[in-house]
Amino acid sequence: MILDTVVYGNVTLFNLLMVTVILIIAVVIAKGVAINLKRSLKDKVSREHLEIIVKAVNYSIIGVAVLLVLPTLGVHPSGLLVAGGIAGLVIGFASQSIVSNLISGLFLMIERPIKIGNAVNIAGTAGVVEDIRIISTTLRTFDGLYVRIPNEQVFTTSITNYVAYVARRVEYVVGIRYSDDADKAIGIIKKLSEVHPLTLKNPAPDVFVNNLGDSSVNIIVRIWVPTTEWYGVMMELLWKIKKALEKEGIQIPFPQREVWFNNELKSREIKNSNSSDPGSSNSTG
């Protein structure tokens, strides 16, 4: 029979077919177990922990299947361990960066400075964490780009996690004209901040004159909101402040600059000198 054909050593086509079937079954079982784990644990375990558990179970099932089929292929685990040890030393020297990324990935999973779904800034790249793998971390930037960052870089660089805390501050600089009533403007902004349903009462909104600029009196507005609502509140409240100030006749000025031309200055000087000279007036006899 064709299946009894020897491929190498004592391994026949039937052995290869059986190994292939076993590995396919193992992959299918691993996928099925992963799906069931996600369904049963999604409300009991956090998303990042669930991903780690699913990956560990998935790799374990496939790893056990590989070990089971090795004797069928004529490979004995004892010899494989010796060869693997030697190969490991060679690969270790040749791929130090990969090992470094692997260790960094393990530390990231233990320390957990970031989680899947967090909005972060890593080494100047801002986006949402899509996955934390053993070797690398992937981000989806706010403009929809896929970015893969090696875990060594993630672990050794500064990380800004925008959603690590439950509250985040919204801050504006609102400029008004010098002729406008600053106390009135502060009162309007404070009232809008306090009545908004998503602004926090503690810390309370803080509104004050911070700077007397070249063209405007600058008012600082600091408001604390839930982190999950930060962007929406920031956009909504800024527009409401603008409309409320305009309704009360308080305008946000644009930069202004006075320019004096040389000819105009000279004509003014001549005019002023003539008006101050008594002999310059005409008299009638």
C-alpha atoms as a PDB file:
ATOM      1  CA  MET A   1       0.000   0.000   0.000  1.00  0.00           C
ATOM      2  CA  ILE A   2       1.049   3.602  -0.544  1.00  0.00           C
ATOM      3  CA  LEU A   3       0.582   4.382   3.162  1.00  0.00           C
ATOM      4  CA  ASP A   4       3.210   1.765   4.042  1.00  0.00           C
ATOM      5  CA  THR A   5       5.851   3.578   1.989  1.00  0.00           C
ATOM      6  CA  VAL A   6       8.876   4.429   4.144  1.00  0.00           C
ATOM      7  CA  VAL A   7       9.746   8.116   4.137  1.00  0.00           C
ATOM      8  CA  TYR A   8      12.807   7.957   6.398  1.00  0.00           C
ATOM      9  CA  GLY A   9      13.978   5.488   9.033  1.00  0.00           C
ATOM     10  CA  ASN A  10      10.936   3.654  10.322  1.00  0.00           C
ATOM     11  CA  VAL A  11       8.554   6.505   9.543  1.00  0.00           C
ATOM     12  CA  THR A  12       5.971   5.757   6.876  1.00  0.00           C
ATOM     13  CA  LEU A  13       3.406   7.860   5.051  1.00  0.00           C
ATOM     14  CA  PHE A  14       0.793   6.463   7.433  1.00  0.00           C
ATOM     15  CA  ASN A  15       2.793   7.812  10.405  1.00  0.00           C
ATOM     16  CA  LEU A  16       2.980  11.252   8.793  1.00  0.00           C
ATOM     17  CA  LEU A  17      -0.727  11.189   8.049  1.00  0.00           C
ATOM     18  CA  MET A  18      -1.523  10.164  11.623  1.00  0.00           C
ATOM     19  CA  VAL A  19       0.716  12.929  13.013  1.00  0.00           C
ATOM     20  CA  THR A  20      -0.979  15.493  10.775  1.00  0.00           C
ATOM     21  CA  VAL A  21      -4.437  14.354  11.879  1.00  0.00           C
ATOM     22  CA  ILE A  22      -3.436  14.460  15.563  1.00  0.00           C
ATOM     23  CA  LEU A  23      -2.036  17.975  15.250  1.00  0.00           C
ATOM     24  CA  ILE A  24      -5.146  19.206  13.401  1.00  0.00           C
ATOM     25  CA  ILE A  25      -7.363  17.677  16.097  1.00  0.00           C
ATOM     26  CA  ALA A  26      -5.189  19.324  18.772  1.00  0.00           C
ATOM     27  CA  VAL A  27      -5.528  22.739  17.115  1.00  0.00           C
ATOM     28  CA  VAL A  28      -9.303  22.314  16.824  1.00  0.00           C
ATOM     29  CA  ILE A  29      -9.542  21.248  20.484  1.00  0.00           C
ATOM     30  CA  ALA A  30      -7.371  24.199  21.547  1.00  0.00           C
ATOM     31  CA  LYS A  31      -9.595  26.620  19.621  1.00  0.00           C
ATOM     32  CA  GLY A  32     -12.733  25.079  21.102  1.00  0.00           C
ATOM     33  CA  VAL A  33     -11.380  25.232  24.641  1.00  0.00           C
ATOM     34  CA  ALA A  34     -10.311  28.853  24.082  1.00  0.00           C
ATOM     35  CA  ILE A  35     -13.787  29.836  22.884  1.00  0.00           C
ATOM     36  CA  ASN A  36     -15.463  28.107  25.839  1.00  0.00           C
ATOM     37  CA  LEU A  37     -13.053  29.725  28.299  1.00  0.00           C
ATOM     38  CA  LYS A  38     -13.786  33.167  26.883  1.00  0.00           C
ATOM     39  CA  ARG A  39     -17.531  32.593  27.146  1.00  0.00           C
ATOM     40  CA  SER A  40     -17.462  31.179  30.666  1.00  0.00           C
ATOM     41  CA  LEU A  41     -14.899  33.566  32.194  1.00  0.00           C
ATOM     42  CA  LYS A  42     -15.619  36.845  30.400  1.00  0.00           C
ATOM     43  CA  ASP A  43     -17.732  38.141  33.319  1.00  0.00           C
ATOM     44  CA  LYS A  44     -15.478  36.698  36.037  1.00  0.00           C
ATOM     45  CA  VAL A  45     -11.961  37.588  34.898  1.00  0.00           C
ATOM     46  CA  SER A  46     -10.544  40.849  33.552  1.00  0.00           C
ATOM     47  CA  ARG A  47      -9.863  40.998  29.846  1.00  0.00           C
ATOM     48  CA  GLU A  48      -6.062  40.963  30.094  1.00  0.00           C
ATOM     49  CA  HIS A  49      -6.056  38.010  32.521  1.00  0.00           C
ATOM     50  CA  LEU A  50      -8.488  36.134  30.309  1.00  0.00           C
ATOM     51  CA  GLU A  51      -6.210  36.611  27.291  1.00  0.00           C
ATOM     52  CA  ILE A  52      -3.229  35.255  29.226  1.00  0.00           C
ATOM     53  CA  ILE A  53      -5.211  32.206  30.435  1.00  0.00           C
ATOM     54  CA  VAL A  54      -6.547  31.448  26.952  1.00  0.00           C
ATOM     55  CA  LYS A  55      -3.101  31.696  25.377  1.00  0.00           C
ATOM     56  CA  ALA A  56      -1.522  29.509  28.057  1.00  0.00           C
ATOM     57  CA  VAL A  57      -4.174  26.792  27.623  1.00  0.00           C
ATOM     58  CA  ASN A  58      -3.973  27.021  23.834  1.00  0.00           C
ATOM     59  CA  TYR A  59      -0.197  26.639  23.744  1.00  0.00           C
ATOM     60  CA  SER A  60      -0.258  23.888  26.362  1.00  0.00           C
ATOM     61  CA  ILE A  61      -2.694  21.708  24.385  1.00  0.00           C
ATOM     62  CA  ILE A  62      -0.710  22.114  21.177  1.00  0.00           C
ATOM     63  CA  GLY A  63       2.575  21.513  23.040  1.00  0.00           C
ATOM     64  CA  VAL A  64       1.293  18.261  24.562  1.00  0.00           C
ATOM     65  CA  ALA A  65       0.127  17.102  21.125  1.00  0.00           C
ATOM     66  CA  VAL A  66       3.567  17.818  19.653  1.00  0.00           C
ATOM     67  CA  LEU A  67       5.266  15.822  22.421  1.00  0.00           C
ATOM     68  CA  LEU A  68       2.888  12.909  21.829  1.00  0.00           C
ATOM     69  CA  VAL A  69       3.625  12.676  18.107  1.00  0.00           C
ATOM     70  CA  LEU A  70       7.407  13.019  18.392  1.00  0.00           C
ATOM     71  CA  PRO A  71       8.011   9.254  18.988  1.00  0.00           C
ATOM     72  CA  THR A  72       5.891   8.489  15.929  1.00  0.00           C
ATOM     73  CA  LEU A  73       8.287  10.635  13.903  1.00  0.00           C
ATOM     74  CA  GLY A  74      11.258   8.828  15.373  1.00  0.00           C
ATOM     75  CA  VAL A  75      12.252  11.689  17.661  1.00  0.00           C
ATOM     76  CA  HIS A  76      12.669  10.817  21.356  1.00  0.00           C
ATOM     77  CA  PRO A  77      12.166  13.570  23.945  1.00  0.00           C
ATOM     78  CA  SER A  78      15.372  12.702  25.832  1.00  0.00           C
ATOM     79  CA  GLY A  79      17.527  13.304  22.770  1.00  0.00           C
ATOM     80  CA  LEU A  80      15.475  16.359  21.951  1.00  0.00           C
ATOM     81  CA  LEU A  81      16.255  17.876  25.349  1.00  0.00           C
ATOM     82  CA  VAL A  82      20.009  17.508  24.809  1.00  0.00           C
ATOM     83  CA  ALA A  83      19.807  18.936  21.307  1.00  0.00           C
ATOM     84  CA  GLY A  84      17.487  21.673  22.532  1.00  0.00           C
ATOM     85  CA  GLY A  85      19.938  22.660  25.259  1.00  0.00           C
ATOM     86  CA  ILE A  86      22.784  23.047  22.788  1.00  0.00           C
ATOM     87  CA  ALA A  87      20.587  24.828  20.277  1.00  0.00           C
ATOM     88  CA  GLY A  88      19.291  27.062  23.062  1.00  0.00           C
ATOM     89  CA  LEU A  89      22.811  28.267  23.878  1.00  0.00           C
ATOM     90  CA  VAL A  90      23.533  29.018  20.226  1.00  0.00           C
ATOM     91  CA  ILE A  91      20.217  30.767  19.693  1.00  0.00           C
ATOM     92  CA  GLY A  92      20.595  32.663  22.959  1.00  0.00           C
ATOM     93  CA  PHE A  93      23.839  34.282  21.837  1.00  0.00           C
ATOM     94  CA  ALA A  94      22.474  34.922  18.365  1.00  0.00           C
ATOM     95  CA  SER A  95      19.174  36.445  19.482  1.00  0.00           C
ATOM     96  CA  GLN A  96      19.767  38.412  22.664  1.00  0.00           C
ATOM     97  CA  SER A  97      17.172  41.010  21.675  1.00  0.00           C
ATOM     98  CA  ILE A  98      14.485  38.330  21.345  1.00  0.00           C
ATOM     99  CA  VAL A  99      15.332  36.954  24.780  1.00  0.00           C
ATOM    100  CA  SER A 100      15.294  40.481  26.185  1.00  0.00           C
ATOM    101  CA  ASN A 101      11.864  41.091  24.662  1.00  0.00           C
ATOM    102  CA  LEU A 102      10.633  37.777  26.065  1.00  0.00           C
ATOM    103  CA  ILE A 103      11.779  38.597  29.599  1.00  0.00           C
ATOM    104  CA  SER A 104      10.397  42.144  29.302  1.00  0.00           C
ATOM    105  CA  GLY A 105       7.067  40.691  28.198  1.00  0.00           C
ATOM    106  CA  LEU A 106       6.910  38.505  31.288  1.00  0.00           C
ATOM    107  CA  PHE A 107       7.707  41.494  33.519  1.00  0.00           C
ATOM    108  CA  LEU A 108       5.003  43.545  31.788  1.00  0.00           C
ATOM    109  CA  MET A 109       2.453  40.840  32.522  1.00  0.00           C
ATOM    110  CA  ILE A 110       3.546  40.759  36.169  1.00  0.00           C
ATOM    111  CA  GLU A 111       3.822  44.518  36.775  1.00  0.00           C
ATOM    112  CA  ARG A 112       0.890  45.429  34.478  1.00  0.00           C
ATOM    113  CA  PRO A 113       1.585  49.152  33.872  1.00  0.00           C
ATOM    114  CA  ILE A 114      -0.751  48.874  30.887  1.00  0.00           C
ATOM    115  CA  LYS A 115      -3.758  46.718  30.090  1.00  0.00           C
ATOM    116  CA  ILE A 116      -5.540  45.700  26.926  1.00  0.00           C
ATOM    117  CA  GLY A 117      -7.945  48.470  25.976  1.00  0.00           C
ATOM    118  CA  ASN A 118      -6.007  51.252  27.763  1.00  0.00           C
ATOM    119  CA  ALA A 119      -5.345  54.546  25.986  1.00  0.00           C
ATOM    120  CA  VAL A 120      -1.605  55.088  26.386  1.00  0.00           C
ATOM    121  CA  ASN A 121       1.456  56.867  25.044  1.00  0.00           C
ATOM    122  CA  ILE A 122       4.515  54.634  24.718  1.00  0.00           C
ATOM    123  CA  ALA A 123       7.784  56.147  23.505  1.00  0.00           C
ATOM    124  CA  GLY A 124       5.899  58.941  21.747  1.00  0.00           C
ATOM    125  CA  THR A 125       3.309  56.659  20.113  1.00  0.00           C
ATOM    126  CA  ALA A 126      -0.234  57.254  21.385  1.00  0.00           C
ATOM    127  CA  GLY A 127      -3.069  54.804  20.919  1.00  0.00           C
ATOM    128  CA  VAL A 128      -5.139  51.993  22.410  1.00  0.00           C
ATOM    129  CA  VAL A 129      -3.466  48.769  23.558  1.00  0.00           C
ATOM    130  CA  GLU A 130      -4.720  45.972  21.309  1.00  0.00           C
ATOM    131  CA  ASP A 131      -2.599  43.086  22.609  1.00  0.00           C
ATOM    132  CA  ILE A 132       0.297  42.341  24.965  1.00  0.00           C
ATOM    133  CA  ARG A 133       2.214  39.380  23.579  1.00  0.00           C
ATOM    134  CA  ILE A 134       5.314  37.623  24.863  1.00  0.00           C
ATOM    135  CA  ILE A 135       7.628  39.392  22.418  1.00  0.00           C
ATOM    136  CA  SER A 136       5.816  42.607  21.516  1.00  0.00           C
ATOM    137  CA  THR A 137       2.926  44.928  22.330  1.00  0.00           C
ATOM    138  CA  THR A 138       0.570  46.186  19.637  1.00  0.00           C
ATOM    139  CA  LEU A 139      -1.205  49.543  19.598  1.00  0.00           C
ATOM    140  CA  ARG A 140      -3.999  50.948  17.471  1.00  0.00           C
ATOM    141  CA  THR A 141      -3.238  54.645  17.124  1.00  0.00           C
ATOM    142  CA  PHE A 142      -6.025  57.212  17.386  1.00  0.00           C
ATOM    143  CA  ASP A 143      -5.932  57.653  13.615  1.00  0.00           C
ATOM    144  CA  GLY A 144      -6.322  53.915  13.024  1.00  0.00           C
ATOM    145  CA  LEU A 145      -2.747  52.732  12.410  1.00  0.00           C
ATOM    146  CA  TYR A 146      -1.302  49.410  13.596  1.00  0.00           C
ATOM    147  CA  VAL A 147       1.922  49.816  15.592  1.00  0.00           C
ATOM    148  CA  ARG A 148       4.038  46.974  16.973  1.00  0.00           C
ATOM    149  CA  ILE A 149       6.490  47.887  19.748  1.00  0.00           C
ATOM    150  CA  PRO A 150       9.082  45.394  21.089  1.00  0.00           C
ATOM    151  CA  ASN A 151       8.484  44.644  24.757  1.00  0.00           C
ATOM    152  CA  GLU A 152      12.022  45.633  25.701  1.00  0.00           C
ATOM    153  CA  GLN A 153      11.288  49.157  24.494  1.00  0.00           C
ATOM    154  CA  VAL A 154       7.907  49.174  26.240  1.00  0.00           C
ATOM    155  CA  PHE A 155       9.410  48.044  29.542  1.00  0.00           C
ATOM    156  CA  THR A 156      12.385  50.415  29.527  1.00  0.00           C
ATOM    157  CA  THR A 157      10.716  53.584  28.225  1.00  0.00           C
ATOM    158  CA  SER A 158       8.329  56.027  29.885  1.00  0.00           C
ATOM    159  CA  ILE A 159       4.648  55.097  29.638  1.00  0.00           C
ATOM    160  CA  THR A 160       1.747  57.525  29.939  1.00  0.00           C
ATOM    161  CA  ASN A 161      -1.486  55.704  30.764  1.00  0.00           C
ATOM    162  CA  TYR A 162      -4.406  58.037  30.144  1.00  0.00           C
ATOM    163  CA  VAL A 163      -6.990  55.812  31.849  1.00  0.00           C
ATOM    164  CA  ALA A 164      -5.086  54.360  34.806  1.00  0.00           C
ATOM    165  CA  TYR A 165      -7.010  56.558  37.274  1.00  0.00           C
ATOM    166  CA  VAL A 166     -10.750  56.993  37.536  1.00  0.00           C
ATOM    167  CA  ALA A 167     -10.642  60.807  37.213  1.00  0.00           C
ATOM    168  CA  ARG A 168      -8.831  63.109  34.796  1.00  0.00           C
ATOM    169  CA  ARG A 169      -8.570  66.894  34.624  1.00  0.00           C
ATOM    170  CA  VAL A 170      -9.872  69.044  31.784  1.00  0.00           C
ATOM    171  CA  GLU A 171      -8.014  72.342  31.431  1.00  0.00           C
ATOM    172  CA  TYR A 172      -8.760  75.366  29.240  1.00  0.00           C
ATOM    173  CA  VAL A 173      -7.244  78.810  28.805  1.00  0.00           C
ATOM    174  CA  VAL A 174     -10.060  81.260  27.999  1.00  0.00           C
ATOM    175  CA  GLY A 175      -9.053  84.775  26.917  1.00  0.00           C
ATOM    176  CA  ILE A 176     -11.405  87.759  27.275  1.00  0.00           C
ATOM    177  CA  ARG A 177     -11.051  91.440  26.355  1.00  0.00           C
ATOM    178  CA  TYR A 178      -9.610  93.890  28.862  1.00  0.00           C
ATOM    179  CA  SER A 179     -12.868  95.841  28.617  1.00  0.00           C
ATOM    180  CA  ASP A 180     -14.929  92.805  29.707  1.00  0.00           C
ATOM    181  CA  ASP A 181     -15.857  91.999  33.307  1.00  0.00           C
ATOM    182  CA  ALA A 182     -13.509  89.197  34.410  1.00  0.00           C
ATOM    183  CA  ASP A 183     -15.538  88.432  37.576  1.00  0.00           C
ATOM    184  CA  LYS A 184     -18.664  87.989  35.481  1.00  0.00           C
ATOM    185  CA  ALA A 185     -16.852  85.685  33.058  1.00  0.00           C
ATOM    186  CA  ILE A 186     -15.497  83.595  35.935  1.00  0.00           C
ATOM    187  CA  GLY A 187     -18.980  83.304  37.407  1.00  0.00           C
ATOM    188  CA  ILE A 188     -20.463  82.133  34.089  1.00  0.00           C
ATOM    189  CA  ILE A 189     -17.766  79.500  33.600  1.00  0.00           C
ATOM    190  CA  LYS A 190     -18.037  78.262  37.195  1.00  0.00           C
ATOM    191  CA  LYS A 191     -21.797  77.883  36.925  1.00  0.00           C
ATOM    192  CA  LEU A 192     -21.498  75.885  33.702  1.00  0.00           C
ATOM    193  CA  SER A 193     -18.855  73.667  35.287  1.00  0.00           C
ATOM    194  CA  GLU A 194     -20.849  73.019  38.444  1.00  0.00           C
ATOM    195  CA  VAL A 195     -24.184  72.209  36.783  1.00  0.00           C
ATOM    196  CA  HIS A 196     -22.731  69.786  34.243  1.00  0.00           C
ATOM    197  CA  PRO A 197     -23.801  66.254  35.281  1.00  0.00           C
ATOM    198  CA  LEU A 198     -20.402  64.663  34.605  1.00  0.00           C
ATOM    199  CA  THR A 199     -18.087  67.119  36.388  1.00  0.00           C
ATOM    200  CA  LEU A 200     -16.821  66.061  39.806  1.00  0.00           C
ATOM    201  CA  LYS A 201     -17.712  68.018  42.944  1.00  0.00           C
ATOM    202  CA  ASN A 202     -14.506  66.945  44.651  1.00  0.00           C
ATOM    203  CA  PRO A 203     -12.064  68.228  43.514  1.00  0.00           C
ATOM    204  CA  ALA A 204     -14.253  71.238  42.777  1.00  0.00           C
ATOM    205  CA  PRO A 205     -13.909  73.189  39.515  1.00  0.00           C
ATOM    206  CA  ASP A 206     -11.212  75.862  39.702  1.00  0.00           C
ATOM    207  CA  VAL A 207     -11.565  79.059  37.611  1.00  0.00           C
ATOM    208  CA  PHE A 208      -9.243  82.058  38.009  1.00  0.00           C
ATOM    209  CA  VAL A 209      -7.346  84.781  36.150  1.00  0.00           C
ATOM    210  CA  ASN A 210      -3.897  83.413  35.450  1.00  0.00           C
ATOM    211  CA  ASN A 211      -2.249  85.859  33.084  1.00  0.00           C
ATOM    212  CA  LEU A 212      -2.597  89.349  31.627  1.00  0.00           C
ATOM    213  CA  GLY A 213      -1.645  88.768  28.006  1.00  0.00           C
ATOM    214  CA  ASP A 214      -0.834  91.172  25.195  1.00  0.00           C
ATOM    215  CA  SER A 215      -4.370  91.073  23.801  1.00  0.00           C
ATOM    216  CA  SER A 216      -6.468  89.357  26.478  1.00  0.00           C
ATOM    217  CA  VAL A 217      -7.073  88.600  30.118  1.00  0.00           C
ATOM    218  CA  ASN A 218      -6.446  84.842  30.333  1.00  0.00           C
ATOM    219  CA  ILE A 219      -8.664  82.725  32.593  1.00  0.00           C
ATOM    220  CA  ILE A 220      -7.603  79.211  33.593  1.00  0.00           C
ATOM    221  CA  VAL A 221     -10.398  76.623  33.850  1.00  0.00           C
ATOM    222  CA  ARG A 222      -9.650  73.318  35.612  1.00  0.00           C
ATOM    223  CA  ILE A 223     -12.360  70.678  35.919  1.00  0.00           C
ATOM    224  CA  TRP A 224     -12.182  67.031  36.993  1.00  0.00           C
ATOM    225  CA  VAL A 225     -14.301  64.451  35.162  1.00  0.00           C
ATOM    226  CA  PRO A 226     -14.497  60.631  34.973  1.00  0.00           C
ATOM    227  CA  THR A 227     -11.687  59.338  32.774  1.00  0.00           C
ATOM    228  CA  THR A 228     -14.073  57.418  30.539  1.00  0.00           C
ATOM    229  CA  GLU A 229     -15.994  60.629  29.790  1.00  0.00           C
ATOM    230  CA  TRP A 230     -12.994  62.957  29.493  1.00  0.00           C
ATOM    231  CA  TYR A 231     -12.977  63.592  25.740  1.00  0.00           C
ATOM    232  CA  GLY A 232     -16.733  64.094  25.391  1.00  0.00           C
ATOM    233  CA  VAL A 233     -16.962  66.482  28.357  1.00  0.00           C
ATOM    234  CA  MET A 234     -13.914  68.447  27.172  1.00  0.00           C
ATOM    235  CA  MET A 235     -15.444  69.077  23.748  1.00  0.00           C
ATOM    236  CA  GLU A 236     -18.977  69.784  25.009  1.00  0.00           C
ATOM    237  CA  LEU A 237     -18.059  72.118  27.857  1.00  0.00           C
ATOM    238  CA  LEU A 238     -15.657  74.207  25.788  1.00  0.00           C
ATOM    239  CA  TRP A 239     -18.398  74.940  23.262  1.00  0.00           C
ATOM    240  CA  LYS A 240     -20.910  75.784  26.018  1.00  0.00           C
ATOM    241  CA  ILE A 241     -18.428  78.219  27.593  1.00  0.00           C
ATOM    242  CA  LYS A 242     -17.935  79.975  24.263  1.00  0.00           C
ATOM    243  CA  LYS A 243     -21.690  80.324  23.627  1.00  0.00           C
ATOM    244  CA  ALA A 244     -22.458  81.460  27.183  1.00  0.00           C
ATOM    245  CA  LEU A 245     -19.782  84.176  27.127  1.00  0.00           C
ATOM    246  CA  GLU A 246     -20.954  85.450  23.739  1.00  0.00           C
ATOM    247  CA  LYS A 247     -24.547  85.586  24.997  1.00  0.00           C
ATOM    248  CA  GLU A 248     -23.458  87.905  27.811  1.00  0.00           C
ATOM    249  CA  GLY A 249     -21.497  90.135  25.443  1.00  0.00           C
ATOM    250  CA  ILE A 250     -18.099  88.848  26.589  1.00  0.00           C
ATOM    251  CA  GLN A 251     -15.881  88.278  23.580  1.00  0.00           C
ATOM    252  CA  ILE A 252     -12.783  86.172  23.083  1.00  0.00           C
ATOM    253  CA  PRO A 253     -10.382  88.658  21.414  1.00  0.00           C
ATOM    254  CA  PHE A 254      -8.033  87.987  18.558  1.00  0.00           C
ATOM    255  CA  PRO A 255      -4.394  89.162  18.706  1.00  0.00           C
ATOM    256  CA  GLN A 256      -4.055  92.862  17.871  1.00  0.00           C
ATOM    257  CA  ARG A 257      -1.040  95.005  17.058  1.00  0.00           C
ATOM    258  CA  GLU A 258      -0.722  98.724  16.365  1.00  0.00           C
ATOM    259  CA  VAL A 259       1.627  99.697  13.521  1.00  0.00           C
ATOM    260  CA  TRP A 260       2.875 103.285  13.132  1.00  0.00           C
ATOM    261  CA  PHE A 261       4.210 104.279   9.696  1.00  0.00           C
ATOM    262  CA  ASN A 262       7.153 106.642   9.447  1.00  0.00           C
ATOM    263  CA  ASN A 263       5.399 109.156   7.128  1.00  0.00           C
ATOM    264  CA  GLU A 264       2.423 109.315   9.431  1.00  0.00           C
ATOM    265  CA  LEU A 265       4.664 109.999  12.411  1.00  0.00           C
ATOM    266  CA  LYS A 266       6.430 112.820  10.596  1.00  0.00           C
ATOM    267  CA  SER A 267       3.164 114.430   9.523  1.00  0.00           C
ATOM    268  CA  ARG A 268       1.875 114.297  13.056  1.00  0.00           C
ATOM    269  CA  GLU A 269       5.060 115.847  14.407  1.00  0.00           C
ATOM    270  CA  ILE A 270       4.811 118.704  11.863  1.00  0.00           C
ATOM    271  CA  LYS A 271       1.161 119.238  12.663  1.00  0.00           C
ATOM    272  CA  ASN A 272       1.843 119.313  16.400  1.00  0.00           C
ATOM    273  CA  SER A 273       4.745 121.746  15.953  1.00  0.00           C
ATOM    274  CA  ASN A 274       2.640 124.088  13.780  1.00  0.00           C
ATOM    275  CA  SER A 275      -0.221 124.128  16.223  1.00  0.00           C
ATOM    276  CA  SER A 276       2.122 125.004  19.067  1.00  0.00           C
ATOM    277  CA  ASP A 277       3.874 127.870  17.123  1.00  0.00           C
ATOM    278  CA  PRO A 278       2.102 131.262  17.726  1.00  0.00           C
ATOM    279  CA  GLY A 279       3.502 132.723  14.539  1.00  0.00           C
ATOM    280  CA  SER A 280       1.902 130.038  12.422  1.00  0.00           C
ATOM    281  CA  SER A 281      -1.618 131.536  12.792  1.00  0.00           C
ATOM    282  CA  ASN A 282      -2.800 134.044  10.186  1.00  0.00           C
ATOM    283  CA  SER A 283      -4.187 137.425  11.305  1.00  0.00           C
ATOM    284  CA  THR A 284      -6.261 139.850   9.319  1.00  0.00           C
ATOM    285  CA  GLY A 285      -5.683 143.618   9.466  1.00  0.00           C
END
